[in-house]
N, C-alpha and C. Protein backbone atom coordinates (compact mmCIF):
# COMPACT_ATOMS: atom_id res chain seq x y z
N MET A 1 -40.12 -7.16 72.26
CA MET A 1 -39.15 -8.01 72.93
C MET A 1 -39.89 -9.01 73.80
N PRO A 2 -39.47 -10.27 73.80
CA PRO A 2 -40.14 -11.27 74.63
C PRO A 2 -40.06 -10.91 76.12
N TYR A 3 -41.01 -11.42 76.87
CA TYR A 3 -41.08 -11.16 78.30
C TYR A 3 -40.51 -12.35 79.07
N ASP A 4 -39.54 -12.08 79.96
CA ASP A 4 -38.93 -13.14 80.76
C ASP A 4 -39.81 -13.56 81.93
N ARG A 5 -40.51 -12.58 82.51
CA ARG A 5 -41.33 -12.84 83.71
C ARG A 5 -42.65 -12.09 83.58
N ASN A 6 -43.63 -12.51 84.35
CA ASN A 6 -44.92 -11.81 84.34
C ASN A 6 -44.76 -10.36 84.81
N GLU A 7 -43.79 -10.12 85.66
CA GLU A 7 -43.55 -8.76 86.15
C GLU A 7 -43.08 -7.83 85.04
N ASP A 8 -42.65 -8.39 83.92
CA ASP A 8 -42.19 -7.59 82.78
C ASP A 8 -43.33 -7.24 81.82
N LEU A 9 -44.49 -7.88 82.00
CA LEU A 9 -45.63 -7.62 81.12
C LEU A 9 -46.09 -6.17 81.27
N PRO A 10 -46.79 -5.64 80.27
CA PRO A 10 -47.34 -4.28 80.41
C PRO A 10 -48.23 -4.19 81.66
N LEU A 11 -48.17 -3.06 82.34
CA LEU A 11 -48.93 -2.89 83.59
C LEU A 11 -50.42 -3.16 83.43
N PRO A 12 -51.06 -2.72 82.34
CA PRO A 12 -52.50 -3.04 82.21
C PRO A 12 -52.78 -4.55 82.21
N VAL A 13 -51.88 -5.33 81.62
CA VAL A 13 -52.04 -6.78 81.61
C VAL A 13 -51.86 -7.32 83.03
N GLN A 14 -50.83 -6.86 83.72
CA GLN A 14 -50.58 -7.31 85.09
C GLN A 14 -51.75 -7.00 86.02
N HIS A 15 -52.32 -5.81 85.87
CA HIS A 15 -53.40 -5.39 86.76
C HIS A 15 -54.73 -6.07 86.43
N ALA A 16 -54.93 -6.42 85.18
CA ALA A 16 -56.22 -6.97 84.76
C ALA A 16 -56.33 -8.48 84.93
N LEU A 17 -55.23 -9.19 84.72
CA LEU A 17 -55.32 -10.65 84.63
C LEU A 17 -54.81 -11.35 85.88
N PRO A 18 -55.45 -12.48 86.25
CA PRO A 18 -54.90 -13.32 87.31
C PRO A 18 -53.57 -13.93 86.85
N MET A 19 -52.79 -14.43 87.77
CA MET A 19 -51.45 -14.92 87.48
C MET A 19 -51.43 -15.99 86.38
N HIS A 20 -52.32 -16.95 86.43
CA HIS A 20 -52.33 -18.00 85.41
C HIS A 20 -52.61 -17.42 84.03
N ALA A 21 -53.52 -16.47 83.94
CA ALA A 21 -53.81 -15.82 82.66
C ALA A 21 -52.61 -15.02 82.18
N GLN A 22 -51.85 -14.44 83.10
CA GLN A 22 -50.62 -13.74 82.72
C GLN A 22 -49.60 -14.72 82.14
N ASP A 23 -49.55 -15.92 82.71
CA ASP A 23 -48.65 -16.95 82.17
C ASP A 23 -49.03 -17.28 80.73
N ILE A 24 -50.33 -17.42 80.49
CA ILE A 24 -50.82 -17.72 79.14
C ILE A 24 -50.47 -16.58 78.19
N TYR A 25 -50.73 -15.36 78.62
CA TYR A 25 -50.44 -14.18 77.80
C TYR A 25 -48.96 -14.14 77.43
N ARG A 26 -48.10 -14.30 78.43
CA ARG A 26 -46.65 -14.23 78.19
C ARG A 26 -46.18 -15.34 77.25
N ALA A 27 -46.66 -16.55 77.45
CA ALA A 27 -46.26 -17.67 76.60
C ALA A 27 -46.72 -17.46 75.16
N ALA A 28 -47.95 -17.00 74.97
CA ALA A 28 -48.47 -16.77 73.62
C ALA A 28 -47.71 -15.63 72.94
N PHE A 29 -47.47 -14.54 73.67
CA PHE A 29 -46.73 -13.41 73.10
C PHE A 29 -45.33 -13.86 72.69
N ASN A 30 -44.63 -14.54 73.60
CA ASN A 30 -43.26 -14.96 73.31
C ASN A 30 -43.20 -15.93 72.14
N ASN A 31 -44.15 -16.84 72.07
CA ASN A 31 -44.19 -17.80 70.97
C ASN A 31 -44.40 -17.06 69.64
N ALA A 32 -45.35 -16.15 69.61
CA ALA A 32 -45.62 -15.38 68.39
C ALA A 32 -44.39 -14.54 68.03
N TRP A 33 -43.73 -13.97 69.02
CA TRP A 33 -42.52 -13.17 68.77
C TRP A 33 -41.47 -14.01 68.05
N HIS A 34 -41.19 -15.19 68.61
CA HIS A 34 -40.13 -16.04 68.04
C HIS A 34 -40.49 -16.54 66.64
N GLN A 35 -41.78 -16.72 66.38
CA GLN A 35 -42.21 -17.17 65.05
C GLN A 35 -42.14 -16.05 64.01
N ARG A 36 -42.34 -14.81 64.43
CA ARG A 36 -42.48 -13.72 63.47
C ARG A 36 -41.33 -12.74 63.40
N VAL A 37 -40.45 -12.72 64.40
CA VAL A 37 -39.37 -11.74 64.41
C VAL A 37 -38.52 -11.91 63.14
N GLY A 38 -38.22 -10.80 62.51
CA GLY A 38 -37.43 -10.82 61.29
C GLY A 38 -38.20 -11.14 60.03
N THR A 39 -39.52 -11.24 60.13
CA THR A 39 -40.34 -11.52 58.95
C THR A 39 -41.18 -10.29 58.61
N ALA A 40 -41.78 -10.31 57.44
CA ALA A 40 -42.67 -9.22 57.04
C ALA A 40 -43.93 -9.19 57.89
N ALA A 41 -44.26 -10.31 58.53
CA ALA A 41 -45.47 -10.40 59.35
C ALA A 41 -45.25 -9.87 60.77
N PHE A 42 -44.05 -9.35 61.05
CA PHE A 42 -43.76 -8.89 62.41
C PHE A 42 -44.41 -7.53 62.68
N ASP A 43 -45.26 -7.51 63.69
CA ASP A 43 -45.93 -6.28 64.15
C ASP A 43 -46.26 -6.52 65.61
N GLU A 44 -45.65 -5.75 66.50
CA GLU A 44 -45.83 -6.01 67.93
C GLU A 44 -47.28 -5.89 68.37
N ALA A 45 -48.05 -5.00 67.75
CA ALA A 45 -49.47 -4.88 68.10
C ALA A 45 -50.21 -6.19 67.80
N VAL A 46 -49.84 -6.85 66.72
CA VAL A 46 -50.45 -8.14 66.38
C VAL A 46 -50.07 -9.18 67.42
N LEU A 47 -48.84 -9.13 67.91
CA LEU A 47 -48.41 -10.09 68.92
C LEU A 47 -49.24 -9.95 70.20
N HIS A 48 -49.56 -8.71 70.56
CA HIS A 48 -50.39 -8.50 71.75
C HIS A 48 -51.82 -9.01 71.50
N ARG A 49 -52.33 -8.83 70.30
CA ARG A 49 -53.67 -9.36 69.99
C ARG A 49 -53.69 -10.88 70.04
N ILE A 50 -52.62 -11.51 69.57
CA ILE A 50 -52.50 -12.97 69.64
C ILE A 50 -52.51 -13.42 71.10
N ALA A 51 -51.76 -12.70 71.93
CA ALA A 51 -51.69 -13.05 73.36
C ALA A 51 -53.06 -12.91 74.02
N TRP A 52 -53.78 -11.82 73.72
CA TRP A 52 -55.12 -11.65 74.30
C TRP A 52 -56.06 -12.76 73.82
N ALA A 53 -55.95 -13.15 72.56
CA ALA A 53 -56.80 -14.23 72.04
C ALA A 53 -56.54 -15.54 72.79
N ALA A 54 -55.28 -15.79 73.11
CA ALA A 54 -54.94 -17.01 73.86
C ALA A 54 -55.57 -16.97 75.25
N VAL A 55 -55.52 -15.82 75.89
CA VAL A 55 -56.13 -15.67 77.22
C VAL A 55 -57.63 -15.90 77.12
N LYS A 56 -58.27 -15.32 76.11
CA LYS A 56 -59.72 -15.41 75.98
C LYS A 56 -60.21 -16.82 75.70
N ARG A 57 -59.34 -17.72 75.25
CA ARG A 57 -59.75 -19.11 75.06
C ARG A 57 -59.96 -19.80 76.41
N GLN A 58 -59.28 -19.35 77.46
CA GLN A 58 -59.39 -20.00 78.75
C GLN A 58 -60.03 -19.14 79.83
N TYR A 59 -60.15 -17.84 79.56
CA TYR A 59 -60.73 -16.91 80.54
C TYR A 59 -61.79 -16.05 79.87
N ARG A 60 -62.70 -15.55 80.69
CA ARG A 60 -63.68 -14.59 80.19
C ARG A 60 -63.82 -13.48 81.22
N LYS A 61 -64.18 -12.31 80.73
CA LYS A 61 -64.32 -11.17 81.62
C LYS A 61 -65.75 -11.12 82.10
N MET A 62 -65.92 -11.07 83.42
CA MET A 62 -67.25 -11.05 84.00
C MET A 62 -67.27 -10.00 85.10
N GLY A 63 -68.06 -8.96 84.88
CA GLY A 63 -68.16 -7.91 85.88
C GLY A 63 -66.84 -7.23 86.17
N GLY A 64 -66.01 -7.08 85.18
CA GLY A 64 -64.74 -6.39 85.37
C GLY A 64 -63.59 -7.26 85.81
N ILE A 65 -63.85 -8.55 86.07
CA ILE A 65 -62.77 -9.46 86.46
C ILE A 65 -62.68 -10.62 85.47
N TRP A 66 -61.48 -11.08 85.27
CA TRP A 66 -61.25 -12.22 84.39
C TRP A 66 -61.37 -13.50 85.21
N ILE A 67 -62.25 -14.40 84.75
CA ILE A 67 -62.43 -15.68 85.44
C ILE A 67 -62.19 -16.81 84.46
N ARG A 68 -61.75 -17.93 85.00
CA ARG A 68 -61.45 -19.09 84.15
C ARG A 68 -62.73 -19.69 83.61
N ARG A 69 -62.71 -20.03 82.34
CA ARG A 69 -63.86 -20.69 81.72
C ARG A 69 -63.96 -22.12 82.24
N GLU A 70 -65.19 -22.60 82.31
CA GLU A 70 -65.40 -23.99 82.70
C GLU A 70 -64.99 -24.88 81.55
N SER A 71 -64.37 -25.97 81.87
CA SER A 71 -63.94 -26.91 80.84
C SER A 71 -65.15 -27.60 80.23
N THR A 72 -65.14 -27.74 78.91
CA THR A 72 -66.22 -28.44 78.23
C THR A 72 -65.81 -29.86 77.88
N ALA A 73 -64.56 -30.22 78.23
CA ALA A 73 -64.08 -31.57 77.94
C ALA A 73 -64.74 -32.57 78.89
N ALA A 74 -65.03 -33.76 78.36
CA ALA A 74 -65.67 -34.79 79.18
C ALA A 74 -64.66 -35.64 79.89
C-alpha cells in the first residue's frame, strides 16, 4: 500500500534515513506501486528495492549514517 506520510514508512527506514531521503524513498515506492499494482510484475519486495535504489542515487552510507552525495553536475 502506498505511504501517505514519512511517518507511515517502515520503522527501519524511518530510523536509518534522514528526512529528505525518506521523502525520496516514499516517492519512489509510491510511484512504483502505482505503475505495477494489478500487474504480473507486482511484488512489494521489489517496490522496496526500487525505493532503496532511488535513495542510493542521492545518498550513501558512511560509518552507519546516510549522507547526501556531492553533486557532480557543473
